[in-house]
Amino acid sequence: MTAVAPEQPGKVKAFLRLVMIEHSVFALPFAYLSALVAIDRDGTGRHWGDLVLITIAMVAGRTFAMAANRILDRKIDALNPRTQNRELVTGAVSVRTAWTGALVSLVVLIVAAGLLNPLCLALSPLAVIPLVVYPYAKRFTNYPHYVLALAQAVAPVGAWLAITGTFSGSFPAWVLGIAVGLWIGGFDIIYACQDVEVDRRIGVHSTPARWGVRTALHISTGTHVVAFGFFVWFGQLVGLSWLWWLGLLATGAGLVYQHVVVTANDLSKVNRAFFTANGFIAIALFVLALLDLVLL
């Protein structure tokens, strides 16, 4: 009997898997939160269609960033047992397809920004810069996680500007942006702990590779403490009430959980901390903040 080769996924499906489209859940809720607070403060009856454009811009920007990251890191990924099954390494997605997807996403981002307002259009190239720098950061700095933090901090600020079209009164969005950036940068440090030995061998820079897993986890903890402080500050700045603080209690529990289940002697639960806990934090905090804005 002739063996039947497994069916290869379609190009679109393979590309979506390449860019891990489902991970948009991490930053997108905070863009919504920033936009909703701006709408609440703006009071101009702005159309909810802006939220659709914000969603399109966010997903397109993240898709561009992930595609560029995978393209630029494909040779590094081929040397790492954990990443050598990624689509560009195995050939499930061609480099040409990945570049096409990245460029289409970039165009969609710029068009969505232009449809929002002139300020967003003018700033859209600046928002792209940290997204492109991040893949290179691991080649020259031991702290690429904070370049990722900068890239993620753009989301709440951009969403606020999308609603208001001005920097005036946008300070709360910057505070939320710093909180989100440090939160994501902190768990990126945890995630990088998996690759310490490989990174050192092939010359990839990271905080765990430079300082060791134990110290890197302490740095991640400190980063998350600061991030939590900025989340608290944001809630105070915009006058959110007890539902927000309940969300922050859940957030604190999620952050503590990450640092309890991942230790220097046991990295087996990194994925659980990365995906489950952080997805829970993003969704729980947004839902409770939304209820706060709508009900109170």
C-alpha atoms as a PDB file:
ATOM      1  CA  MET A   1       0.000   0.000   0.000  1.00  0.00           C
ATOM      2  CA  THR A   2       1.355   3.424  -0.936  1.00  0.00           C
ATOM      3  CA  ALA A   3       1.704   5.828   1.941  1.00  0.00           C
ATOM      4  CA  VAL A   4      -0.343   9.003   1.606  1.00  0.00           C
ATOM      5  CA  ALA A   5       1.581  12.179   2.321  1.00  0.00           C
ATOM      6  CA  PRO A   6      -0.095  14.452   4.858  1.00  0.00           C
ATOM      7  CA  GLU A   7      -1.981  17.334   3.318  1.00  0.00           C
ATOM      8  CA  GLN A   8      -0.099  20.605   3.481  1.00  0.00           C
ATOM      9  CA  PRO A   9      -1.972  23.572   4.922  1.00  0.00           C
ATOM     10  CA  GLY A  10      -3.056  26.354   2.565  1.00  0.00           C
ATOM     11  CA  LYS A  11      -0.839  29.379   2.224  1.00  0.00           C
ATOM     12  CA  VAL A  12      -3.172  31.657   4.147  1.00  0.00           C
ATOM     13  CA  LYS A  13      -3.590  29.197   7.015  1.00  0.00           C
ATOM     14  CA  ALA A  14       0.160  28.583   7.170  1.00  0.00           C
ATOM     15  CA  PHE A  15       0.858  32.324   7.145  1.00  0.00           C
ATOM     16  CA  LEU A  16      -1.624  32.939   9.971  1.00  0.00           C
ATOM     17  CA  ARG A  17       0.081  30.209  11.962  1.00  0.00           C
ATOM     18  CA  LEU A  18       3.443  31.804  11.183  1.00  0.00           C
ATOM     19  CA  VAL A  19       2.396  35.153  12.643  1.00  0.00           C
ATOM     20  CA  MET A  20       0.439  33.522  15.516  1.00  0.00           C
ATOM     21  CA  ILE A  21      -2.577  35.725  14.826  1.00  0.00           C
ATOM     22  CA  GLU A  22      -4.313  34.550  17.998  1.00  0.00           C
ATOM     23  CA  HIS A  23      -1.716  36.363  20.128  1.00  0.00           C
ATOM     24  CA  SER A  24      -3.339  39.672  19.198  1.00  0.00           C
ATOM     25  CA  VAL A  25      -5.369  39.084  22.361  1.00  0.00           C
ATOM     26  CA  PHE A  26      -2.464  40.346  24.490  1.00  0.00           C
ATOM     27  CA  ALA A  27      -2.325  44.003  23.414  1.00  0.00           C
ATOM     28  CA  LEU A  28      -5.640  44.529  21.621  1.00  0.00           C
ATOM     29  CA  PRO A  29      -7.832  44.717  24.767  1.00  0.00           C
ATOM     30  CA  PHE A  30      -5.678  47.572  26.077  1.00  0.00           C
ATOM     31  CA  ALA A  31      -6.014  49.469  22.815  1.00  0.00           C
ATOM     32  CA  TYR A  32      -9.786  49.094  23.210  1.00  0.00           C
ATOM     33  CA  LEU A  33      -9.584  50.232  26.829  1.00  0.00           C
ATOM     34  CA  SER A  34      -7.622  53.339  25.896  1.00  0.00           C
ATOM     35  CA  ALA A  35     -10.041  54.105  23.056  1.00  0.00           C
ATOM     36  CA  LEU A  36     -13.118  53.664  25.248  1.00  0.00           C
ATOM     37  CA  VAL A  37     -11.755  55.947  27.945  1.00  0.00           C
ATOM     38  CA  ALA A  38     -10.950  58.525  25.259  1.00  0.00           C
ATOM     39  CA  ILE A  39     -14.492  58.213  23.863  1.00  0.00           C
ATOM     40  CA  ASP A  40     -15.914  58.650  27.359  1.00  0.00           C
ATOM     41  CA  ARG A  41     -13.850  61.793  27.882  1.00  0.00           C
ATOM     42  CA  ASP A  42     -14.177  63.190  24.375  1.00  0.00           C
ATOM     43  CA  GLY A  43     -17.958  63.396  24.488  1.00  0.00           C
ATOM     44  CA  THR A  44     -18.307  64.214  20.783  1.00  0.00           C
ATOM     45  CA  GLY A  45     -20.433  61.222  19.838  1.00  0.00           C
ATOM     46  CA  ARG A  46     -17.642  59.824  17.698  1.00  0.00           C
ATOM     47  CA  HIS A  47     -18.694  56.866  15.582  1.00  0.00           C
ATOM     48  CA  TRP A  48     -17.959  53.380  16.884  1.00  0.00           C
ATOM     49  CA  GLY A  49     -16.570  52.633  13.427  1.00  0.00           C
ATOM     50  CA  ASP A  50     -13.306  54.044  14.784  1.00  0.00           C
ATOM     51  CA  LEU A  51     -13.006  50.929  16.948  1.00  0.00           C
ATOM     52  CA  VAL A  52     -13.217  48.799  13.821  1.00  0.00           C
ATOM     53  CA  LEU A  53     -10.399  50.796  12.225  1.00  0.00           C
ATOM     54  CA  ILE A  54      -8.355  50.550  15.430  1.00  0.00           C
ATOM     55  CA  THR A  55      -8.825  46.775  15.366  1.00  0.00           C
ATOM     56  CA  ILE A  56      -7.738  46.589  11.727  1.00  0.00           C
ATOM     57  CA  ALA A  57      -4.693  48.798  12.371  1.00  0.00           C
ATOM     58  CA  MET A  58      -3.690  46.820  15.472  1.00  0.00           C
ATOM     59  CA  VAL A  59      -3.996  43.392  13.880  1.00  0.00           C
ATOM     60  CA  ALA A  60      -2.263  44.584  10.707  1.00  0.00           C
ATOM     61  CA  GLY A  61       0.576  46.142  12.690  1.00  0.00           C
ATOM     62  CA  ARG A  62       1.102  43.033  14.765  1.00  0.00           C
ATOM     63  CA  THR A  63       0.924  40.813  11.687  1.00  0.00           C
ATOM     64  CA  PHE A  64       3.568  42.940   9.980  1.00  0.00           C
ATOM     65  CA  ALA A  65       5.759  42.800  13.087  1.00  0.00           C
ATOM     66  CA  MET A  66       5.507  39.020  13.469  1.00  0.00           C
ATOM     67  CA  ALA A  67       6.104  38.358   9.771  1.00  0.00           C
ATOM     68  CA  ALA A  68       9.155  40.642   9.758  1.00  0.00           C
ATOM     69  CA  ASN A  69      10.407  38.985  12.939  1.00  0.00           C
ATOM     70  CA  ARG A  70      10.074  35.496  11.491  1.00  0.00           C
ATOM     71  CA  ILE A  71      11.733  36.520   8.207  1.00  0.00           C
ATOM     72  CA  LEU A  72      14.692  38.219   9.858  1.00  0.00           C
ATOM     73  CA  ASP A  73      15.128  35.426  12.421  1.00  0.00           C
ATOM     74  CA  ARG A  74      14.677  32.429  10.131  1.00  0.00           C
ATOM     75  CA  LYS A  75      18.377  31.481  10.172  1.00  0.00           C
ATOM     76  CA  ILE A  76      18.522  31.820  13.943  1.00  0.00           C
ATOM     77  CA  ASP A  77      15.318  29.775  14.276  1.00  0.00           C
ATOM     78  CA  ALA A  78      16.881  26.993  12.194  1.00  0.00           C
ATOM     79  CA  LEU A  79      19.654  26.633  14.798  1.00  0.00           C
ATOM     80  CA  ASN A  80      17.319  26.371  17.784  1.00  0.00           C
ATOM     81  CA  PRO A  81      15.583  23.009  18.410  1.00  0.00           C
ATOM     82  CA  ARG A  82      12.587  24.829  19.926  1.00  0.00           C
ATOM     83  CA  THR A  83      12.009  26.942  16.818  1.00  0.00           C
ATOM     84  CA  GLN A  84      13.318  24.810  13.973  1.00  0.00           C
ATOM     85  CA  ASN A  85       9.792  23.673  13.089  1.00  0.00           C
ATOM     86  CA  ARG A  86       8.598  27.184  12.348  1.00  0.00           C
ATOM     87  CA  GLU A  87       7.029  27.619   8.941  1.00  0.00           C
ATOM     88  CA  LEU A  88       9.845  29.580   7.281  1.00  0.00           C
ATOM     89  CA  VAL A  89      12.404  27.020   8.453  1.00  0.00           C
ATOM     90  CA  THR A  90      10.445  23.999   7.250  1.00  0.00           C
ATOM     91  CA  GLY A  91       9.326  25.649   4.025  1.00  0.00           C
ATOM     92  CA  ALA A  92       5.611  25.514   4.858  1.00  0.00           C
ATOM     93  CA  VAL A  93       5.672  29.253   4.133  1.00  0.00           C
ATOM     94  CA  SER A  94       8.071  30.699   1.574  1.00  0.00           C
ATOM     95  CA  VAL A  95      10.062  33.834   2.270  1.00  0.00           C
ATOM     96  CA  ARG A  96       8.280  35.451  -0.669  1.00  0.00           C
ATOM     97  CA  THR A  97       4.870  34.678   0.828  1.00  0.00           C
ATOM     98  CA  ALA A  98       5.978  35.994   4.209  1.00  0.00           C
ATOM     99  CA  TRP A  99       7.257  39.244   2.671  1.00  0.00           C
ATOM    100  CA  THR A 100       4.020  39.599   0.706  1.00  0.00           C
ATOM    101  CA  GLY A 101       1.957  39.154   3.862  1.00  0.00           C
ATOM    102  CA  ALA A 102       4.149  41.608   5.753  1.00  0.00           C
ATOM    103  CA  LEU A 103       3.906  44.303   3.072  1.00  0.00           C
ATOM    104  CA  VAL A 104       0.153  43.861   2.665  1.00  0.00           C
ATOM    105  CA  SER A 105      -0.233  44.190   6.437  1.00  0.00           C
ATOM    106  CA  LEU A 106       1.891  47.346   6.418  1.00  0.00           C
ATOM    107  CA  VAL A 107      -0.269  48.895   3.702  1.00  0.00           C
ATOM    108  CA  VAL A 108      -3.444  47.973   5.614  1.00  0.00           C
ATOM    109  CA  LEU A 109      -1.998  49.580   8.767  1.00  0.00           C
ATOM    110  CA  ILE A 110      -1.205  52.836   6.973  1.00  0.00           C
ATOM    111  CA  VAL A 111      -4.576  52.958   5.203  1.00  0.00           C
ATOM    112  CA  ALA A 112      -6.454  52.320   8.462  1.00  0.00           C
ATOM    113  CA  ALA A 113      -4.403  55.036  10.174  1.00  0.00           C
ATOM    114  CA  GLY A 114      -5.203  57.440   7.360  1.00  0.00           C
ATOM    115  CA  LEU A 115      -8.920  56.709   7.635  1.00  0.00           C
ATOM    116  CA  LEU A 116      -8.794  57.457  11.362  1.00  0.00           C
ATOM    117  CA  ASN A 117      -7.282  60.946  11.210  1.00  0.00           C
ATOM    118  CA  PRO A 118      -4.301  62.895   9.803  1.00  0.00           C
ATOM    119  CA  LEU A 119      -2.295  62.616  13.042  1.00  0.00           C
ATOM    120  CA  CYS A 120      -2.473  58.814  13.027  1.00  0.00           C
ATOM    121  CA  LEU A 121      -1.448  58.763   9.373  1.00  0.00           C
ATOM    122  CA  ALA A 122       1.534  61.010  10.054  1.00  0.00           C
ATOM    123  CA  LEU A 123       2.645  58.928  13.038  1.00  0.00           C
ATOM    124  CA  SER A 124       2.115  55.491  11.477  1.00  0.00           C
ATOM    125  CA  PRO A 125       5.718  55.237  10.155  1.00  0.00           C
ATOM    126  CA  LEU A 126       7.023  55.993  13.673  1.00  0.00           C
ATOM    127  CA  ALA A 127       4.861  53.211  15.098  1.00  0.00           C
ATOM    128  CA  VAL A 128       6.474  50.768  12.664  1.00  0.00           C
ATOM    129  CA  ILE A 129      10.077  51.587  13.666  1.00  0.00           C
ATOM    130  CA  PRO A 130      10.206  49.640  16.983  1.00  0.00           C
ATOM    131  CA  LEU A 131       8.409  46.743  15.291  1.00  0.00           C
ATOM    132  CA  VAL A 132      11.279  46.480  12.798  1.00  0.00           C
ATOM    133  CA  VAL A 133      14.050  47.193  15.311  1.00  0.00           C
ATOM    134  CA  TYR A 134      12.944  44.433  17.705  1.00  0.00           C
ATOM    135  CA  PRO A 135      14.133  41.476  15.563  1.00  0.00           C
ATOM    136  CA  TYR A 136      17.537  43.134  15.255  1.00  0.00           C
ATOM    137  CA  ALA A 137      17.745  44.033  18.957  1.00  0.00           C
ATOM    138  CA  LYS A 138      18.746  40.532  19.999  1.00  0.00           C
ATOM    139  CA  ARG A 139      21.838  40.958  17.822  1.00  0.00           C
ATOM    140  CA  PHE A 140      23.240  43.967  19.692  1.00  0.00           C
ATOM    141  CA  THR A 141      21.658  44.345  23.152  1.00  0.00           C
ATOM    142  CA  ASN A 142      21.121  42.117  26.161  1.00  0.00           C
ATOM    143  CA  TYR A 143      17.751  43.783  26.695  1.00  0.00           C
ATOM    144  CA  PRO A 144      15.722  43.242  23.500  1.00  0.00           C
ATOM    145  CA  HIS A 145      12.674  42.636  25.696  1.00  0.00           C
ATOM    146  CA  TYR A 146      12.431  46.350  26.387  1.00  0.00           C
ATOM    147  CA  VAL A 147      12.471  47.141  22.673  1.00  0.00           C
ATOM    148  CA  LEU A 148       9.451  44.845  22.475  1.00  0.00           C
ATOM    149  CA  ALA A 149       7.998  46.770  25.424  1.00  0.00           C
ATOM    150  CA  LEU A 150       8.347  50.014  23.466  1.00  0.00           C
ATOM    151  CA  ALA A 151       6.662  48.463  20.437  1.00  0.00           C
ATOM    152  CA  GLN A 152       3.733  47.276  22.566  1.00  0.00           C
ATOM    153  CA  ALA A 153       3.408  50.593  24.422  1.00  0.00           C
ATOM    154  CA  VAL A 154       2.413  52.198  21.132  1.00  0.00           C
ATOM    155  CA  ALA A 155      -0.977  50.431  21.084  1.00  0.00           C
ATOM    156  CA  PRO A 156      -2.848  52.302  23.857  1.00  0.00           C
ATOM    157  CA  VAL A 157      -1.327  55.628  22.814  1.00  0.00           C
ATOM    158  CA  GLY A 158      -2.239  55.071  19.173  1.00  0.00           C
ATOM    159  CA  ALA A 159      -5.791  54.088  20.099  1.00  0.00           C
ATOM    160  CA  TRP A 160      -6.239  57.242  22.160  1.00  0.00           C
ATOM    161  CA  LEU A 161      -4.942  59.417  19.324  1.00  0.00           C
ATOM    162  CA  ALA A 162      -7.209  57.548  16.911  1.00  0.00           C
ATOM    163  CA  ILE A 163     -10.228  58.740  18.875  1.00  0.00           C
ATOM    164  CA  THR A 164      -9.145  62.276  19.758  1.00  0.00           C
ATOM    165  CA  GLY A 165      -6.818  63.202  16.899  1.00  0.00           C
ATOM    166  CA  THR A 166      -4.652  65.201  19.303  1.00  0.00           C
ATOM    167  CA  PHE A 167      -1.941  64.752  21.931  1.00  0.00           C
ATOM    168  CA  SER A 168      -3.832  67.072  24.263  1.00  0.00           C
ATOM    169  CA  GLY A 169      -5.060  65.162  27.308  1.00  0.00           C
ATOM    170  CA  SER A 170      -3.401  61.916  26.219  1.00  0.00           C
ATOM    171  CA  PHE A 171      -1.244  61.455  29.341  1.00  0.00           C
ATOM    172  CA  PRO A 172      -3.354  58.545  30.706  1.00  0.00           C
ATOM    173  CA  ALA A 173      -2.767  56.651  27.441  1.00  0.00           C
ATOM    174  CA  TRP A 174       0.990  57.020  27.878  1.00  0.00           C
ATOM    175  CA  VAL A 175       0.740  55.646  31.419  1.00  0.00           C
ATOM    176  CA  LEU A 176      -1.320  52.698  30.180  1.00  0.00           C
ATOM    177  CA  GLY A 177       1.107  52.209  27.302  1.00  0.00           C
ATOM    178  CA  ILE A 178       4.055  51.963  29.680  1.00  0.00           C
ATOM    179  CA  ALA A 179       2.118  49.500  31.848  1.00  0.00           C
ATOM    180  CA  VAL A 180       1.275  47.273  28.881  1.00  0.00           C
ATOM    181  CA  GLY A 181       4.794  47.506  27.441  1.00  0.00           C
ATOM    182  CA  LEU A 182       6.487  46.540  30.705  1.00  0.00           C
ATOM    183  CA  TRP A 183       3.967  43.750  31.286  1.00  0.00           C
ATOM    184  CA  ILE A 184       4.720  42.209  27.883  1.00  0.00           C
ATOM    185  CA  GLY A 185       8.455  42.905  28.136  1.00  0.00           C
ATOM    186  CA  GLY A 186       8.510  41.215  31.530  1.00  0.00           C
ATOM    187  CA  PHE A 187       6.968  38.008  30.290  1.00  0.00           C
ATOM    188  CA  ASP A 188       9.177  38.088  27.193  1.00  0.00           C
ATOM    189  CA  ILE A 189      12.111  37.772  29.598  1.00  0.00           C
ATOM    190  CA  ILE A 190      10.461  34.686  31.105  1.00  0.00           C
ATOM    191  CA  TYR A 191       9.893  33.246  27.637  1.00  0.00           C
ATOM    192  CA  ALA A 192      13.535  33.807  26.664  1.00  0.00           C
ATOM    193  CA  CYS A 193      14.697  31.698  29.607  1.00  0.00           C
ATOM    194  CA  GLN A 194      13.919  28.596  27.547  1.00  0.00           C
ATOM    195  CA  ASP A 195      16.699  29.385  25.068  1.00  0.00           C
ATOM    196  CA  VAL A 196      19.601  30.379  27.310  1.00  0.00           C
ATOM    197  CA  GLU A 197      22.046  27.668  26.292  1.00  0.00           C
ATOM    198  CA  VAL A 198      21.233  27.863  22.580  1.00  0.00           C
ATOM    199  CA  ASP A 199      21.350  31.668  22.581  1.00  0.00           C
ATOM    200  CA  ARG A 200      24.775  31.667  24.203  1.00  0.00           C
ATOM    201  CA  ARG A 201      26.066  29.109  21.729  1.00  0.00           C
ATOM    202  CA  ILE A 202      24.860  30.903  18.594  1.00  0.00           C
ATOM    203  CA  GLY A 203      25.456  34.452  19.834  1.00  0.00           C
ATOM    204  CA  VAL A 204      21.892  35.662  20.390  1.00  0.00           C
ATOM    205  CA  HIS A 205      21.573  38.346  23.071  1.00  0.00           C
ATOM    206  CA  SER A 206      18.944  38.314  25.816  1.00  0.00           C
ATOM    207  CA  THR A 207      18.700  39.143  29.502  1.00  0.00           C
ATOM    208  CA  PRO A 208      18.681  35.431  30.526  1.00  0.00           C
ATOM    209  CA  ALA A 209      21.642  34.691  28.235  1.00  0.00           C
ATOM    210  CA  ARG A 210      23.620  37.557  29.756  1.00  0.00           C
ATOM    211  CA  TRP A 211      22.736  37.225  33.443  1.00  0.00           C
ATOM    212  CA  GLY A 212      21.440  33.670  33.806  1.00  0.00           C
ATOM    213  CA  VAL A 213      17.926  32.377  34.341  1.00  0.00           C
ATOM    214  CA  ARG A 214      17.669  33.091  38.064  1.00  0.00           C
ATOM    215  CA  THR A 215      18.705  36.731  37.776  1.00  0.00           C
ATOM    216  CA  ALA A 216      16.580  37.199  34.644  1.00  0.00           C
ATOM    217  CA  LEU A 217      13.515  35.965  36.510  1.00  0.00           C
ATOM    218  CA  HIS A 218      14.216  38.507  39.251  1.00  0.00           C
ATOM    219  CA  ILE A 219      14.484  41.227  36.598  1.00  0.00           C
ATOM    220  CA  SER A 220      11.191  40.052  35.136  1.00  0.00           C
ATOM    221  CA  THR A 221       9.584  40.208  38.573  1.00  0.00           C
ATOM    222  CA  GLY A 222      10.832  43.761  39.065  1.00  0.00           C
ATOM    223  CA  THR A 223       9.548  44.727  35.626  1.00  0.00           C
ATOM    224  CA  HIS A 224       6.105  43.356  36.452  1.00  0.00           C
ATOM    225  CA  VAL A 225       6.017  45.184  39.789  1.00  0.00           C
ATOM    226  CA  VAL A 226       6.654  48.461  37.967  1.00  0.00           C
ATOM    227  CA  ALA A 227       4.073  47.552  35.306  1.00  0.00           C
ATOM    228  CA  PHE A 228       1.486  46.885  38.016  1.00  0.00           C
ATOM    229  CA  GLY A 229       2.231  50.286  39.529  1.00  0.00           C
ATOM    230  CA  PHE A 230       1.523  51.951  36.183  1.00  0.00           C
ATOM    231  CA  PHE A 231      -1.766  50.039  35.868  1.00  0.00           C
ATOM    232  CA  VAL A 232      -2.716  51.408  39.298  1.00  0.00           C
ATOM    233  CA  TRP A 233      -1.716  54.918  38.229  1.00  0.00           C
ATOM    234  CA  PHE A 234      -3.832  54.679  35.074  1.00  0.00           C
ATOM    235  CA  GLY A 235      -6.914  53.699  37.062  1.00  0.00           C
ATOM    236  CA  GLN A 236      -6.418  56.663  39.371  1.00  0.00           C
ATOM    237  CA  LEU A 237      -5.845  59.100  36.500  1.00  0.00           C
ATOM    238  CA  VAL A 238      -9.075  58.232  34.693  1.00  0.00           C
ATOM    239  CA  GLY A 239     -11.186  57.740  37.820  1.00  0.00           C
ATOM    240  CA  LEU A 240     -12.075  54.076  37.419  1.00  0.00           C
ATOM    241  CA  SER A 241     -13.862  52.501  40.359  1.00  0.00           C
ATOM    242  CA  TRP A 242     -14.042  49.220  42.201  1.00  0.00           C
ATOM    243  CA  LEU A 243     -14.484  46.989  39.147  1.00  0.00           C
ATOM    244  CA  TRP A 244     -11.129  48.170  37.788  1.00  0.00           C
ATOM    245  CA  TRP A 245      -9.497  47.473  41.135  1.00  0.00           C
ATOM    246  CA  LEU A 246     -11.069  44.022  41.135  1.00  0.00           C
ATOM    247  CA  GLY A 247      -9.512  43.515  37.687  1.00  0.00           C
ATOM    248  CA  LEU A 248      -6.174  44.643  39.043  1.00  0.00           C
ATOM    249  CA  LEU A 249      -6.500  42.125  41.863  1.00  0.00           C
ATOM    250  CA  ALA A 250      -6.950  39.414  39.228  1.00  0.00           C
ATOM    251  CA  THR A 251      -4.018  40.856  37.287  1.00  0.00           C
ATOM    252  CA  GLY A 252      -1.812  40.749  40.348  1.00  0.00           C
ATOM    253  CA  ALA A 253      -2.810  37.132  40.942  1.00  0.00           C
ATOM    254  CA  GLY A 254      -1.979  36.280  37.327  1.00  0.00           C
ATOM    255  CA  LEU A 255       1.427  37.923  37.574  1.00  0.00           C
ATOM    256  CA  VAL A 256       2.222  36.177  40.839  1.00  0.00           C
ATOM    257  CA  TYR A 257       1.148  32.866  39.291  1.00  0.00           C
ATOM    258  CA  GLN A 258       3.660  33.316  36.452  1.00  0.00           C
ATOM    259  CA  HIS A 259       6.504  33.872  38.852  1.00  0.00           C
ATOM    260  CA  VAL A 260       5.494  30.970  41.078  1.00  0.00           C
ATOM    261  CA  VAL A 261       5.143  28.305  38.389  1.00  0.00           C
ATOM    262  CA  VAL A 262       8.291  29.305  36.457  1.00  0.00           C
ATOM    263  CA  THR A 263      11.497  28.903  38.417  1.00  0.00           C
ATOM    264  CA  ALA A 264      15.185  28.701  37.587  1.00  0.00           C
ATOM    265  CA  ASN A 265      15.024  24.962  38.270  1.00  0.00           C
ATOM    266  CA  ASP A 266      11.807  24.294  36.358  1.00  0.00           C
ATOM    267  CA  LEU A 267      10.977  25.992  33.052  1.00  0.00           C
ATOM    268  CA  SER A 268       8.448  23.363  32.001  1.00  0.00           C
ATOM    269  CA  LYS A 269       5.495  25.680  32.673  1.00  0.00           C
ATOM    270  CA  VAL A 270       6.730  28.660  30.647  1.00  0.00           C
ATOM    271  CA  ASN A 271       4.079  28.171  27.965  1.00  0.00           C
ATOM    272  CA  ARG A 272       1.339  27.960  30.587  1.00  0.00           C
ATOM    273  CA  ALA A 273       2.557  31.213  32.114  1.00  0.00           C
ATOM    274  CA  PHE A 274       3.017  32.857  28.729  1.00  0.00           C
ATOM    275  CA  PHE A 275      -0.258  31.949  27.033  1.00  0.00           C
ATOM    276  CA  THR A 276      -2.804  31.053  29.708  1.00  0.00           C
ATOM    277  CA  ALA A 277      -1.936  33.555  32.434  1.00  0.00           C
ATOM    278  CA  ASN A 278      -1.306  36.506  30.138  1.00  0.00           C
ATOM    279  CA  GLY A 279      -4.390  35.861  28.044  1.00  0.00           C
ATOM    280  CA  PHE A 280      -6.396  35.767  31.268  1.00  0.00           C
ATOM    281  CA  ILE A 281      -4.845  39.040  32.469  1.00  0.00           C
ATOM    282  CA  ALA A 282      -5.593  40.892  29.233  1.00  0.00           C
ATOM    283  CA  ILE A 283      -9.198  39.730  28.919  1.00  0.00           C
ATOM    284  CA  ALA A 284     -10.132  39.962  32.615  1.00  0.00           C
ATOM    285  CA  LEU A 285      -8.744  43.467  33.036  1.00  0.00           C
ATOM    286  CA  PHE A 286     -10.441  44.718  29.869  1.00  0.00           C
ATOM    287  CA  VAL A 287     -13.834  43.166  30.657  1.00  0.00           C
ATOM    288  CA  LEU A 288     -13.902  44.582  34.179  1.00  0.00           C
ATOM    289  CA  ALA A 289     -12.738  47.998  32.964  1.00  0.00           C
ATOM    290  CA  LEU A 290     -15.452  47.946  30.283  1.00  0.00           C
ATOM    291  CA  LEU A 291     -18.089  47.122  32.895  1.00  0.00           C
ATOM    292  CA  ASP A 292     -16.706  49.936  35.032  1.00  0.00           C
ATOM    293  CA  LEU A 293     -17.080  52.429  32.173  1.00  0.00           C
ATOM    294  CA  VAL A 294     -20.543  51.236  31.150  1.00  0.00           C
ATOM    295  CA  LEU A 295     -22.191  50.607  34.514  1.00  0.00           C
ATOM    296  CA  LEU A 296     -20.588  53.038  36.954  1.00  0.00           C
END
